[in-house]
Amino acid sequence: MNNPGLFQAKWNLGRLTLCNFLALGLLGFWLWPAGQMLCVIFDEWLFHLLNDPLATSPTWLHVWAVASLRPFDAVVGVILLTLLIRGNWVFKAVQVRQAFFGFLAILLLLLFIRMLFSKLAAHMGWQHSSPSMVISGAIQMSDYFPGLEKTWELKDRSSQSFPGDHASVLLIWGMFMSVFARRIGQFVLIWGLALLFMMPRLVAGAHWGQDDYIGGVLLALLALGWGYYTPFAANVSERLLRITGPVFGWLQRVPLISRLSLVRAAQ
């Protein structure tokens, strides 16, 4: 590896086992009848706490309606990407490109794991409808903004809400960044943003809390374990660095773009 301190092409069996153990532990707790009952009790309380004010507070309604639109997901993606590739924040400027490709590799692995787990969930009958479709008196934002639902895909319900795929992406970003973060301020900002951007689906009732803190965390742990604590991220990022080298070499001659940490020469 060009930078053995960022990704290492070897197996970390201890951390890999821990990630898998925690993921299986979460699944086991969720499948345990008493654990499921506790999740439902907590989730119903959380849903009413977040969803009920939509009926009485126009500000609360409009803020979360905008945050529940599909285009807002793109805004979130830009914010997370900006922090990932910002040189000399979590990663040194010369490490940014390698960090970007490593995260991309783990994100693709997450999507693959999510596909397999969704098939398992459907086969085992673990799927359920979102709280906005189940809880009596739930406020559906699409009733207030029918035009937004049709035009901008306002997300406030789903017949298959488990696991929380939106949350799993935010969580894997948070976990990945946390592996390399060194300052308290970095951890606070990383997890503050991750939790904040998970809120729209919970406020709108598109997901139960357990879709995120069980399903989303489970998927993110598996992706982190098999992506970062194995040679996977190291090998994929190294190959992508080689393949894209000529492209970035050309971009380094383009004014303004050449100043981006992502474009500068990588280690």
Protein backbone atom coordinates (compact mmCIF):
# COMPACT_ATOMS: atom_id res chain seq x y z
CA MET A 1 0.00 0.00 0.00
CA ASN A 2 1.09 3.57 -0.65
CA ASN A 3 -0.16 4.64 2.75
CA PRO A 4 -0.30 1.69 5.14
CA GLY A 5 -1.64 3.92 7.92
CA LEU A 6 -4.96 4.56 6.12
CA PHE A 7 -6.01 1.12 4.84
CA GLN A 8 -4.08 -2.04 5.55
CA ALA A 9 -4.28 -5.06 3.28
CA LYS A 10 -4.59 -7.57 6.10
CA TRP A 11 -7.28 -9.14 8.23
CA ASN A 12 -8.10 -7.69 11.64
CA LEU A 13 -9.94 -10.72 12.98
CA GLY A 14 -10.61 -9.17 16.37
CA ARG A 15 -12.40 -6.09 15.03
CA LEU A 16 -14.11 -8.09 12.29
CA THR A 17 -15.47 -10.53 14.86
CA LEU A 18 -16.61 -7.66 17.07
CA CYS A 19 -18.52 -5.99 14.22
CA ASN A 20 -20.23 -9.25 13.28
CA PHE A 21 -20.97 -10.11 16.91
CA LEU A 22 -22.58 -6.73 17.54
CA ALA A 23 -24.63 -6.98 14.33
CA LEU A 24 -25.87 -10.46 15.21
CA GLY A 25 -26.52 -9.34 18.77
CA LEU A 26 -28.74 -6.51 17.54
CA LEU A 27 -30.64 -8.89 15.26
CA GLY A 28 -31.03 -11.43 18.07
CA PHE A 29 -32.34 -8.76 20.46
CA TRP A 30 -34.80 -7.56 17.83
CA LEU A 31 -36.08 -11.10 17.16
CA TRP A 32 -36.38 -11.86 20.88
CA PRO A 33 -40.08 -11.30 21.81
CA ALA A 34 -39.22 -9.21 24.86
CA GLY A 35 -36.70 -7.18 22.87
CA GLN A 36 -39.22 -6.60 20.10
CA MET A 37 -41.79 -5.44 22.63
CA LEU A 38 -39.32 -2.93 24.08
CA CYS A 39 -38.51 -1.66 20.58
CA VAL A 40 -42.19 -1.19 19.75
CA ILE A 41 -42.90 0.64 23.02
CA PHE A 42 -39.94 2.96 22.49
CA ASP A 43 -40.70 3.49 18.81
CA GLU A 44 -44.34 4.41 19.41
CA TRP A 45 -43.25 6.97 22.01
CA LEU A 46 -40.59 8.34 19.66
CA PHE A 47 -43.02 8.51 16.75
CA HIS A 48 -45.61 10.50 18.68
CA LEU A 49 -42.89 12.79 20.03
CA LEU A 50 -41.68 13.64 16.52
CA ASN A 51 -44.80 13.26 14.42
CA ASP A 52 -47.58 14.80 16.53
CA PRO A 53 -46.19 18.39 16.36
CA LEU A 54 -46.69 18.32 12.57
CA ALA A 55 -50.38 18.98 13.18
CA THR A 56 -49.86 22.02 15.41
CA SER A 57 -46.60 23.65 14.28
CA PRO A 58 -46.41 24.98 10.68
CA THR A 59 -42.68 25.56 11.09
CA TRP A 60 -42.08 21.96 12.19
CA LEU A 61 -44.25 20.74 9.30
CA HIS A 62 -42.54 22.78 6.57
CA VAL A 63 -38.98 22.15 7.78
CA TRP A 64 -39.38 18.38 7.83
CA ALA A 65 -41.42 18.32 4.64
CA VAL A 66 -38.51 19.90 2.78
CA ALA A 67 -36.06 17.54 4.52
CA SER A 68 -38.16 14.55 3.44
CA LEU A 69 -37.95 15.35 -0.27
CA ARG A 70 -35.74 13.22 -2.51
CA PRO A 71 -33.71 16.24 -3.73
CA PHE A 72 -32.76 16.98 -0.14
CA ASP A 73 -30.99 13.62 -0.05
CA ALA A 74 -28.68 14.99 -2.73
CA VAL A 75 -27.96 18.02 -0.55
CA VAL A 76 -27.12 15.70 2.33
CA GLY A 77 -24.83 13.70 0.06
CA VAL A 78 -22.95 16.84 -0.97
CA ILE A 79 -22.47 17.86 2.68
CA LEU A 80 -21.16 14.44 3.70
CA LEU A 81 -18.90 14.22 0.64
CA THR A 82 -17.53 17.70 1.30
CA LEU A 83 -16.50 16.74 4.83
CA LEU A 84 -14.99 13.48 3.58
CA ILE A 85 -12.79 15.12 0.94
CA ARG A 86 -11.94 18.27 2.89
CA GLY A 87 -8.17 18.18 3.20
CA ASN A 88 -6.56 18.38 6.63
CA TRP A 89 -9.78 17.95 8.55
CA VAL A 90 -10.16 14.23 9.25
CA PHE A 91 -7.80 13.18 6.47
CA LYS A 92 -4.57 14.81 5.37
CA ALA A 93 -4.86 16.49 1.98
CA VAL A 94 -2.67 13.83 0.34
CA GLN A 95 -4.86 11.07 1.83
CA VAL A 96 -8.20 12.40 0.66
CA ARG A 97 -8.33 10.57 -2.66
CA GLN A 98 -7.46 7.26 -1.06
CA ALA A 99 -10.02 7.89 1.70
CA PHE A 100 -12.66 8.69 -0.92
CA PHE A 101 -12.04 5.49 -2.87
CA GLY A 102 -11.91 3.44 0.33
CA PHE A 103 -15.25 4.82 1.46
CA LEU A 104 -16.71 4.27 -2.01
CA ALA A 105 -15.65 0.62 -1.83
CA ILE A 106 -17.25 0.16 1.58
CA LEU A 107 -20.41 1.96 0.45
CA LEU A 108 -20.76 -0.40 -2.52
CA LEU A 109 -20.25 -3.33 -0.15
CA LEU A 110 -22.99 -1.89 2.07
CA LEU A 111 -25.41 -1.82 -0.88
CA PHE A 112 -24.59 -5.45 -1.67
CA ILE A 113 -25.09 -6.51 1.96
CA ARG A 114 -28.32 -4.53 2.08
CA MET A 115 -29.63 -6.34 -1.01
CA LEU A 116 -28.88 -9.75 0.51
CA PHE A 117 -30.31 -8.81 3.91
CA SER A 118 -33.50 -7.43 2.34
CA LYS A 119 -34.04 -10.73 0.54
CA LEU A 120 -33.50 -12.56 3.84
CA ALA A 121 -35.90 -10.21 5.65
CA ALA A 122 -38.58 -10.76 3.01
CA HIS A 123 -38.09 -14.53 3.12
CA MET A 124 -38.24 -14.64 6.93
CA GLY A 125 -41.24 -12.34 7.17
CA TRP A 126 -39.35 -9.60 9.03
CA GLN A 127 -40.68 -6.78 6.89
CA HIS A 128 -43.30 -4.37 8.23
CA SER A 129 -45.11 -1.22 7.17
CA SER A 130 -43.98 2.18 8.37
CA PRO A 131 -45.61 3.76 11.46
CA SER A 132 -47.46 6.36 9.39
CA MET A 133 -49.43 3.46 7.88
CA VAL A 134 -49.99 1.57 11.12
CA ILE A 135 -50.44 3.99 14.04
CA SER A 136 -53.87 5.54 14.38
CA GLY A 137 -53.88 9.31 14.07
CA ALA A 138 -50.49 9.50 12.36
CA ILE A 139 -49.85 12.76 10.52
CA GLN A 140 -48.90 12.12 6.89
CA MET A 141 -47.16 15.10 5.33
CA SER A 142 -48.30 14.00 1.87
CA ASP A 143 -51.85 14.93 2.93
CA TYR A 144 -50.65 18.51 3.44
CA PHE A 145 -48.43 18.63 0.35
CA PRO A 146 -49.88 16.30 -2.32
CA GLY A 147 -48.05 18.23 -5.04
CA LEU A 148 -44.68 17.64 -3.39
CA GLU A 149 -45.35 13.93 -3.12
CA LYS A 150 -46.00 13.61 -6.84
CA THR A 151 -43.30 15.99 -8.05
CA TRP A 152 -40.44 15.62 -5.56
CA GLU A 153 -41.16 12.19 -4.04
CA LEU A 154 -41.94 13.27 -0.49
CA LYS A 155 -41.14 10.17 1.58
CA ASP A 156 -43.54 9.61 4.49
CA ARG A 157 -44.57 5.96 4.22
CA SER A 158 -43.41 2.56 3.02
CA SER A 159 -44.89 -0.91 3.01
CA GLN A 160 -41.38 -2.34 3.52
CA SER A 161 -39.54 -0.04 5.91
CA PHE A 162 -37.07 -2.52 7.43
CA PRO A 163 -34.13 -2.05 7.41
CA GLY A 164 -33.54 1.69 7.13
CA ASP A 165 -31.38 1.93 4.00
CA HIS A 166 -31.19 5.73 4.22
CA ALA A 167 -29.97 5.46 7.81
CA SER A 168 -27.47 2.73 6.95
CA VAL A 169 -25.69 5.06 4.50
CA LEU A 170 -25.52 7.84 7.09
CA LEU A 171 -24.32 5.40 9.73
CA ILE A 172 -21.58 3.85 7.59
CA TRP A 173 -20.37 7.38 6.79
CA GLY A 174 -20.35 8.20 10.49
CA MET A 175 -18.55 4.97 11.43
CA PHE A 176 -16.01 5.35 8.64
CA MET A 177 -15.19 8.93 9.55
CA SER A 178 -15.04 8.03 13.25
CA VAL A 179 -12.37 5.41 12.60
CA PHE A 180 -10.02 8.21 11.52
CA ALA A 181 -11.31 11.15 13.60
CA ARG A 182 -9.04 12.26 16.42
CA ARG A 183 -10.70 15.32 17.97
CA ILE A 184 -13.86 15.59 20.05
CA GLY A 185 -15.17 18.34 17.78
CA GLN A 186 -14.90 16.00 14.79
CA PHE A 187 -16.89 13.27 16.52
CA VAL A 188 -19.56 15.74 17.62
CA LEU A 189 -19.99 17.16 14.10
CA ILE A 190 -19.90 13.74 12.40
CA TRP A 191 -22.53 12.15 14.61
CA GLY A 192 -24.54 15.33 14.98
CA LEU A 193 -24.99 15.44 11.21
CA ALA A 194 -25.61 11.69 10.90
CA LEU A 195 -28.36 11.76 13.51
CA LEU A 196 -29.84 15.00 12.21
CA PHE A 197 -30.12 13.68 8.66
CA MET A 198 -31.75 10.47 9.94
CA MET A 199 -34.54 12.53 11.50
CA PRO A 200 -36.68 13.35 8.41
CA ARG A 201 -37.75 9.74 7.84
CA LEU A 202 -38.55 9.34 11.54
CA VAL A 203 -40.53 12.58 11.80
CA ALA A 204 -42.50 11.77 8.63
CA GLY A 205 -43.19 8.23 9.82
CA ALA A 206 -41.54 6.53 6.86
CA HIS A 207 -39.46 4.45 9.29
CA TRP A 208 -39.76 3.09 12.79
CA GLY A 209 -36.84 3.82 15.08
CA GLN A 210 -35.91 0.13 15.00
CA ASP A 211 -35.50 0.32 11.22
CA ASP A 212 -32.55 2.62 11.95
CA TYR A 213 -31.05 1.66 15.32
CA ILE A 214 -31.43 -2.07 14.60
CA GLY A 215 -31.52 -2.50 10.82
CA GLY A 216 -29.41 0.50 9.84
CA VAL A 217 -26.75 -0.09 12.49
CA LEU A 218 -26.67 -3.81 11.68
CA LEU A 219 -25.98 -3.17 8.00
CA ALA A 220 -23.38 -0.50 8.73
CA LEU A 221 -21.52 -2.75 11.17
CA LEU A 222 -21.37 -5.58 8.66
CA ALA A 223 -20.14 -3.24 5.92
CA LEU A 224 -17.51 -1.68 8.18
CA GLY A 225 -16.31 -5.04 9.41
CA TRP A 226 -16.04 -6.73 6.02
CA GLY A 227 -14.92 -3.57 4.24
CA TYR A 228 -12.40 -1.93 6.55
CA TYR A 229 -11.16 -4.75 8.79
CA THR A 230 -10.36 -7.00 5.84
CA PRO A 231 -8.13 -6.29 2.81
CA PHE A 232 -11.21 -5.22 0.81
CA ALA A 233 -10.99 -1.40 1.15
CA ALA A 234 -7.20 -1.46 0.86
CA ASN A 235 -7.18 -3.49 -2.36
CA VAL A 236 -10.09 -1.68 -4.03
CA SER A 237 -8.79 1.80 -3.19
CA GLU A 238 -5.30 0.92 -4.41
CA ARG A 239 -6.65 -0.34 -7.73
CA LEU A 240 -8.91 2.68 -8.19
CA LEU A 241 -5.97 4.98 -7.46
CA ARG A 242 -3.99 3.33 -10.24
CA ILE A 243 -6.88 3.27 -12.73
CA THR A 244 -7.90 6.89 -12.18
CA GLY A 245 -4.35 8.24 -11.91
CA PRO A 246 -4.23 9.57 -15.50
CA VAL A 247 -7.61 11.29 -15.09
CA PHE A 248 -6.54 13.08 -11.92
CA GLY A 249 -3.22 13.90 -13.54
CA TRP A 250 -5.12 15.78 -16.24
CA LEU A 251 -7.40 17.47 -13.69
CA GLN A 252 -4.34 18.76 -11.82
CA ARG A 253 -3.69 21.03 -14.81
CA VAL A 254 -7.18 22.56 -14.69
CA PRO A 255 -7.34 25.91 -12.83
CA LEU A 256 -9.37 25.95 -9.59
CA ILE A 257 -10.15 22.21 -9.81
CA SER A 258 -6.45 21.49 -9.27
CA ARG A 259 -6.72 23.12 -5.84
CA LEU A 260 -9.15 20.48 -4.56
CA SER A 261 -7.63 18.00 -2.13
CA LEU A 262 -9.30 15.18 -4.04
CA VAL A 263 -7.44 16.16 -7.19
CA ARG A 264 -4.03 16.83 -5.69
CA ALA A 265 -1.36 14.15 -5.87
CA ALA A 266 -2.24 11.23 -3.60
CA GLN A 267 0.24 9.29 -1.52
